[in-house]
PDB file of N, CA and C in Angstrom:
ATOM      1  N   ALA A   1     106.462  89.119 117.381  1.00  0.00           N
ATOM      2  CA  ALA A   1     106.322  87.769 117.856  1.00  0.00           C
ATOM      3  C   ALA A   1     107.571  87.331 118.632  1.00  0.00           C
ATOM      4  N   ARG A   2     108.728  87.693 118.103  1.00  0.00           N
ATOM      5  CA  ARG A   2     109.980  87.307 118.761  1.00  0.00           C
ATOM      6  C   ARG A   2     110.078  87.939 120.138  1.00  0.00           C
ATOM      7  N   ALA A   3     109.728  89.220 120.244  1.00  0.00           N
ATOM      8  CA  ALA A   3     109.824  89.933 121.516  1.00  0.00           C
ATOM      9  C   ALA A   3     108.892  89.349 122.571  1.00  0.00           C
ATOM     10  N   LEU A   4     107.781  88.771 122.126  1.00  0.00           N
ATOM     11  CA  LEU A   4     106.815  88.180 123.059  1.00  0.00           C
ATOM     12  C   LEU A   4     107.034  86.689 123.280  1.00  0.00           C
ATOM     13  N   GLY A   5     108.053  86.140 122.619  1.00  0.00           N
ATOM     14  CA  GLY A   5     108.309  84.709 122.749  1.00  0.00           C
ATOM     15  C   GLY A   5     107.283  83.855 122.030  1.00  0.00           C
ATOM     16  N   LEU A   6     106.680  84.393 120.972  1.00  0.00           N
ATOM     17  CA  LEU A   6     105.619  83.683 120.238  1.00  0.00           C
ATOM     18  C   LEU A   6     105.991  83.417 118.786  1.00  0.00           C
ATOM     19  N   GLU A   7     107.275  83.425 118.454  1.00  0.00           N
ATOM     20  CA  GLU A   7     107.652  83.317 117.051  1.00  0.00           C
ATOM     21  C   GLU A   7     107.278  81.981 116.412  1.00  0.00           C
ATOM     22  N   GLY A   8     107.039  80.946 117.157  1.00  0.00           N
ATOM     23  CA  GLY A   8     106.589  79.678 116.594  1.00  0.00           C
ATOM     24  C   GLY A   8     105.076  79.589 116.482  1.00  0.00           C
ATOM     25  N   VAL A   9     104.367  80.603 116.988  1.00  0.00           N
ATOM     26  CA  VAL A   9     102.901  80.582 117.001  1.00  0.00           C
ATOM     27  C   VAL A   9     102.317  81.662 116.089  1.00  0.00           C
ATOM     28  N   VAL A  10     102.870  82.867 116.145  1.00  0.00           N
ATOM     29  CA  VAL A  10     102.380  83.989 115.342  1.00  0.00           C
ATOM     30  C   VAL A  10     103.558  84.685 114.659  1.00  0.00           C
ATOM     31  N   GLY A  11     103.260  85.602 113.763  1.00  0.00           N
ATOM     32  CA  GLY A  11     104.305  86.396 113.147  1.00  0.00           C
ATOM     33  C   GLY A  11     104.755  85.916 111.788  1.00  0.00           C
ATOM     34  N   ASN A  12     104.164  84.831 111.284  1.00  0.00           N
ATOM     35  CA  ASN A  12     104.479  84.368 109.938  1.00  0.00           C
ATOM     36  C   ASN A  12     103.291  83.577 109.397  1.00  0.00           C
ATOM     37  N   LEU A  13     103.375  83.160 108.164  1.00  0.00           N
ATOM     38  CA  LEU A  13     102.269  82.426 107.527  1.00  0.00           C
ATOM     39  C   LEU A  13     102.592  80.948 107.341  1.00  0.00           C
ATOM     40  N   GLN A  14     103.435  80.415 108.198  1.00  0.00           N
ATOM     41  CA  GLN A  14     103.810  79.008 108.114  1.00  0.00           C
ATOM     42  C   GLN A  14     102.680  78.109 108.622  1.00  0.00           C
ATOM     43  N   PRO A  15     102.574  76.873 108.093  1.00  0.00           N
ATOM     44  CA  PRO A  15     101.548  75.940 108.583  1.00  0.00           C
ATOM     45  C   PRO A  15     101.662  75.743 110.091  1.00  0.00           C
ATOM     46  N   GLY A  16     100.528  75.716 110.754  1.00  0.00           N
ATOM     47  CA  GLY A  16     100.479  75.515 112.191  1.00  0.00           C
ATOM     48  C   GLY A  16     100.528  76.795 113.002  1.00  0.00           C
ATOM     49  N   CYS A  17     100.780  77.923 112.352  1.00  0.00           N
ATOM     50  CA  CYS A  17     100.829  79.211 113.048  1.00  0.00           C
ATOM     51  C   CYS A  17      99.486  79.924 112.928  1.00  0.00           C
ATOM     52  N   GLU A  18      99.205  80.782 113.881  1.00  0.00           N
ATOM     53  CA  GLU A  18      97.979  81.574 113.848  1.00  0.00           C
ATOM     54  C   GLU A  18      98.219  82.839 113.032  1.00  0.00           C
ATOM     55  N   ALA A  19      97.207  83.254 112.270  1.00  0.00           N
ATOM     56  CA  ALA A  19      97.365  84.471 111.468  1.00  0.00           C
ATOM     57  C   ALA A  19      96.006  85.081 111.163  1.00  0.00           C
ATOM     58  N   ASP A  20      95.958  86.395 111.162  1.00  0.00           N
ATOM     59  CA  ASP A  20      94.813  87.157 110.668  1.00  0.00           C
ATOM     60  C   ASP A  20      95.331  87.956 109.484  1.00  0.00           C
ATOM     61  N   PHE A  21      94.717  87.788 108.320  1.00  0.00           N
ATOM     62  CA  PHE A  21      95.149  88.556 107.161  1.00  0.00           C
ATOM     63  C   PHE A  21      94.017  88.684 106.158  1.00  0.00           C
ATOM     64  N   VAL A  22      94.207  89.591 105.221  1.00  0.00           N
ATOM     65  CA  VAL A  22      93.219  89.861 104.181  1.00  0.00           C
ATOM     66  C   VAL A  22      93.885  89.657 102.831  1.00  0.00           C
ATOM     67  N   VAL A  23      93.202  88.967 101.920  1.00  0.00           N
ATOM     68  CA  VAL A  23      93.683  88.785 100.556  1.00  0.00           C
ATOM     69  C   VAL A  23      93.000  89.848  99.697  1.00  0.00           C
ATOM     70  N   LEU A  24      93.809  90.659  99.009  1.00  0.00           N
ATOM     71  CA  LEU A  24      93.284  91.755  98.203  1.00  0.00           C
ATOM     72  C   LEU A  24      93.545  91.511  96.716  1.00  0.00           C
ATOM     73  N   ASP A  25      92.620  91.977  95.872  1.00  0.00           N
ATOM     74  CA  ASP A  25      92.749  91.882  94.423  1.00  0.00           C
ATOM     75  C   ASP A  25      93.054  93.273  93.872  1.00  0.00           C
ATOM     76  N   PRO A  26      94.296  93.546  93.480  1.00  0.00           N
ATOM     77  CA  PRO A  26      94.640  94.873  92.982  1.00  0.00           C
ATOM     78  C   PRO A  26      94.051  95.179  91.612  1.00  0.00           C
ATOM     79  N   GLN A  27      93.350  94.220  91.021  1.00  0.00           N
ATOM     80  CA  GLN A  27      92.709  94.431  89.729  1.00  0.00           C
ATOM     81  C   GLN A  27      91.191  94.303  89.832  1.00  0.00           C
ATOM     82  N   ALA A  28      90.649  94.606  90.995  1.00  0.00           N
ATOM     83  CA  ALA A  28      89.212  94.423  91.252  1.00  0.00           C
ATOM     84  C   ALA A  28      88.331  95.315  90.388  1.00  0.00           C
ATOM     85  N   THR A  29      88.826  96.473  90.007  1.00  0.00           N
ATOM     86  CA  THR A  29      88.077  97.377  89.135  1.00  0.00           C
ATOM     87  C   THR A  29      89.008  97.823  88.008  1.00  0.00           C
ATOM     88  N   PRO A  30      88.459  98.249  86.885  1.00  0.00           N
ATOM     89  CA  PRO A  30      89.322  98.680  85.779  1.00  0.00           C
ATOM     90  C   PRO A  30      90.274  99.826  86.156  1.00  0.00           C
ATOM     91  N   LEU A  31      89.783 100.822  86.867  1.00  0.00           N
ATOM     92  CA  LEU A  31      90.647 101.937  87.262  1.00  0.00           C
ATOM     93  C   LEU A  31      91.747 101.474  88.210  1.00  0.00           C
ATOM     94  N   LEU A  32      91.394 100.654  89.170  1.00  0.00           N
ATOM     95  CA  LEU A  32      92.387 100.143  90.115  1.00  0.00           C
ATOM     96  C   LEU A  32      93.413  99.278  89.391  1.00  0.00           C
ATOM     97  N   ALA A  33      92.976  98.469  88.461  1.00  0.00           N
ATOM     98  CA  ALA A  33      93.902  97.628  87.691  1.00  0.00           C
ATOM     99  C   ALA A  33      94.903  98.488  86.936  1.00  0.00           C
ATOM    100  N   ARG A  34      94.419  99.571  86.333  1.00  0.00           N
ATOM    101  CA  ARG A  34      95.312 100.456  85.580  1.00  0.00           C
ATOM    102  C   ARG A  34      96.319 101.121  86.512  1.00  0.00           C
ATOM    103  N   LYS A  35      95.846 101.645  87.632  1.00  0.00           N
ATOM    104  CA  LYS A  35      96.742 102.343  88.562  1.00  0.00           C
ATOM    105  C   LYS A  35      97.746 101.393  89.220  1.00  0.00           C
ATOM    106  N   THR A  36      97.310 100.221  89.627  1.00  0.00           N
ATOM    107  CA  THR A  36      98.244  99.306  90.294  1.00  0.00           C
ATOM    108  C   THR A  36      99.247  98.711  89.311  1.00  0.00           C
ATOM    109  N   SER A  37      98.872  98.569  88.052  1.00  0.00           N
ATOM    110  CA  SER A  37      99.831  98.047  87.069  1.00  0.00           C
ATOM    111  C   SER A  37     100.933  99.061  86.787  1.00  0.00           C
ATOM    112  N   GLN A  38     100.669 100.333  87.059  1.00  0.00           N
ATOM    113  CA  GLN A  38     101.665 101.385  86.848  1.00  0.00           C
ATOM    114  C   GLN A  38     102.502 101.667  88.094  1.00  0.00           C
ATOM    115  N   ALA A  39     102.196 101.010  89.196  1.00  0.00           N
ATOM    116  CA  ALA A  39     102.923 101.248  90.449  1.00  0.00           C
ATOM    117  C   ALA A  39     104.376 100.787  90.313  1.00  0.00           C
ATOM    118  N   ASN A  40     105.284 101.628  90.763  1.00  0.00           N
ATOM    119  CA  ASN A  40     106.710 101.313  90.698  1.00  0.00           C
ATOM    120  C   ASN A  40     107.286 100.897  92.040  1.00  0.00           C
ATOM    121  N   SER A  41     106.455 100.883  93.075  1.00  0.00           N
ATOM    122  CA  SER A  41     106.935 100.502  94.401  1.00  0.00           C
ATOM    123  C   SER A  41     105.749  99.989  95.221  1.00  0.00           C
ATOM    124  N   LEU A  42     106.065  99.371  96.325  1.00  0.00           N
ATOM    125  CA  LEU A  42     105.025  98.905  97.231  1.00  0.00           C
ATOM    126  C   LEU A  42     104.223 100.084  97.764  1.00  0.00           C
ATOM    127  N   ASP A  43     104.905 101.195  98.034  1.00  0.00           N
ATOM    128  CA  ASP A  43     104.214 102.398  98.513  1.00  0.00           C
ATOM    129  C   ASP A  43     103.154 102.863  97.521  1.00  0.00           C
ATOM    130  N   GLU A  44     103.492 102.897  96.240  1.00  0.00           N
ATOM    131  CA  GLU A  44     102.545 103.329  95.215  1.00  0.00           C
ATOM    132  C   GLU A  44     101.386 102.345  95.082  1.00  0.00           C
ATOM    133  N   LEU A  45     101.680 101.061  95.181  1.00  0.00           N
ATOM    134  CA  LEU A  45     100.634 100.041  95.103  1.00  0.00           C
ATOM    135  C   LEU A  45      99.664 100.187  96.271  1.00  0.00           C
ATOM    136  N   LEU A  46     100.196 100.308  97.477  1.00  0.00           N
ATOM    137  CA  LEU A  46      99.348 100.462  98.652  1.00  0.00           C
ATOM    138  C   LEU A  46      98.546 101.752  98.609  1.00  0.00           C
ATOM    139  N   PHE A  47      99.148 102.833  98.122  1.00  0.00           N
ATOM    140  CA  PHE A  47      98.431 104.098  98.002  1.00  0.00           C
ATOM    141  C   PHE A  47      97.233 103.941  97.066  1.00  0.00           C
ATOM    142  N   ALA A  48      97.422 103.291  95.931  1.00  0.00           N
ATOM    143  CA  ALA A  48      96.318 103.077  94.994  1.00  0.00           C
ATOM    144  C   ALA A  48      95.221 102.240  95.635  1.00  0.00           C
ATOM    145  N   LEU A  49      95.590 101.209  96.362  1.00  0.00           N
ATOM    146  CA  LEU A  49      94.591 100.373  97.033  1.00  0.00           C
ATOM    147  C   LEU A  49      93.821 101.155  98.095  1.00  0.00           C
ATOM    148  N   ILE A  50      94.512 102.009  98.837  1.00  0.00           N
ATOM    149  CA  ILE A  50      93.867 102.801  99.881  1.00  0.00           C
ATOM    150  C   ILE A  50      92.909 103.824  99.283  1.00  0.00           C
ATOM    151  N   VAL A  51      93.362 104.518  98.248  1.00  0.00           N
ATOM    152  CA  VAL A  51      92.571 105.601  97.679  1.00  0.00           C
ATOM    153  C   VAL A  51      91.424 105.089  96.792  1.00  0.00           C
ATOM    154  N   LEU A  52      91.700 104.071  95.993  1.00  0.00           N
ATOM    155  CA  LEU A  52      90.719 103.625  95.001  1.00  0.00           C
ATOM    156  C   LEU A  52      89.978 102.348  95.390  1.00  0.00           C
ATOM    157  N   GLY A  53      90.454 101.652  96.408  1.00  0.00           N
ATOM    158  CA  GLY A  53      89.856 100.382  96.780  1.00  0.00           C
ATOM    159  C   GLY A  53      88.550 100.529  97.533  1.00  0.00           C
ATOM    160  N   ASP A  54      87.704  99.526  97.390  1.00  0.00           N
ATOM    161  CA  ASP A  54      86.461  99.444  98.157  1.00  0.00           C
ATOM    162  C   ASP A  54      86.221  97.969  98.476  1.00  0.00           C
ATOM    163  N   ASP A  55      84.999  97.608  98.814  1.00  0.00           N
ATOM    164  CA  ASP A  55      84.723  96.234  99.225  1.00  0.00           C
ATOM    165  C   ASP A  55      84.993  95.216  98.120  1.00  0.00           C
ATOM    166  N   ARG A  56      85.034  95.627  96.872  1.00  0.00           N
ATOM    167  CA  ARG A  56      85.314  94.691  95.770  1.00  0.00           C
ATOM    168  C   ARG A  56      86.762  94.222  95.764  1.00  0.00           C
ATOM    169  N   VAL A  57      87.633  94.927  96.452  1.00  0.00           N
ATOM    170  CA  VAL A  57      89.054  94.567  96.509  1.00  0.00           C
ATOM    171  C   VAL A  57      89.285  93.350  97.408  1.00  0.00           C
ATOM    172  N   VAL A  58      88.454  93.180  98.415  1.00  0.00           N
ATOM    173  CA  VAL A  58      88.637  92.103  99.395  1.00  0.00           C
ATOM    174  C   VAL A  58      88.190  90.766  98.787  1.00  0.00           C
ATOM    175  N   VAL A  59      89.152  89.873  98.634  1.00  0.00           N
ATOM    176  CA  VAL A  59      88.878  88.541  98.108  1.00  0.00           C
ATOM    177  C   VAL A  59      88.519  87.592  99.236  1.00  0.00           C
ATOM    178  N   ARG A  60      89.265  87.708 100.348  1.00  0.00           N
ATOM    179  CA  ARG A  60      89.082  86.778 101.457  1.00  0.00           C
ATOM    180  C   ARG A  60      89.653  87.371 102.730  1.00  0.00           C
ATOM    181  N   CYS A  61      88.977  87.131 103.847  1.00  0.00           N
ATOM    182  CA  CYS A  61      89.482  87.489 105.170  1.00  0.00           C
ATOM    183  C   CYS A  61      89.756  86.195 105.919  1.00  0.00           C
ATOM    184  N   VAL A  62      90.925  86.087 106.490  1.00  0.00           N
ATOM    185  CA  VAL A  62      91.293  84.894 107.254  1.00  0.00           C
ATOM    186  C   VAL A  62      91.556  85.334 108.694  1.00  0.00           C
ATOM    187  N   VAL A  63      90.865  84.698 109.636  1.00  0.00           N
ATOM    188  CA  VAL A  63      91.013  85.007 111.052  1.00  0.00           C
ATOM    189  C   VAL A  63      91.515  83.761 111.763  1.00  0.00           C
ATOM    190  N   SER A  64      92.582  83.907 112.511  1.00  0.00           N
ATOM    191  CA  SER A  64      93.205  82.804 113.273  1.00  0.00           C
ATOM    192  C   SER A  64      93.634  81.659 112.356  1.00  0.00           C
ATOM    193  N   GLY A  65      94.052  81.986 111.148  1.00  0.00           N
ATOM    194  CA  GLY A  65      94.570  80.985 110.232  1.00  0.00           C
ATOM    195  C   GLY A  65      93.539  80.083 109.634  1.00  0.00           C
ATOM    196  N   GLY A  66      92.252  80.343 109.838  1.00  0.00           N
ATOM    197  CA  GLY A  66      91.241  79.439 109.293  1.00  0.00           C
ATOM    198  C   GLY A  66      90.267  80.127 108.516  1.00  0.00           C
TER     199      GLY A  66
END
């Protein structure tokens, strides 16, 4: 955002800014809950979500901040 001169519009989750993001539930299934609770780093957490996650993990999709 900074490189494009858009840091006041995109690139963060502040009110008034545009954002596309997904809210994920790392405890969506019993197996996923067990694996993510044992994660010792962000890498391990993301790996568990990638490998074990499915559509039940997605809580909400937000497009353009709305």
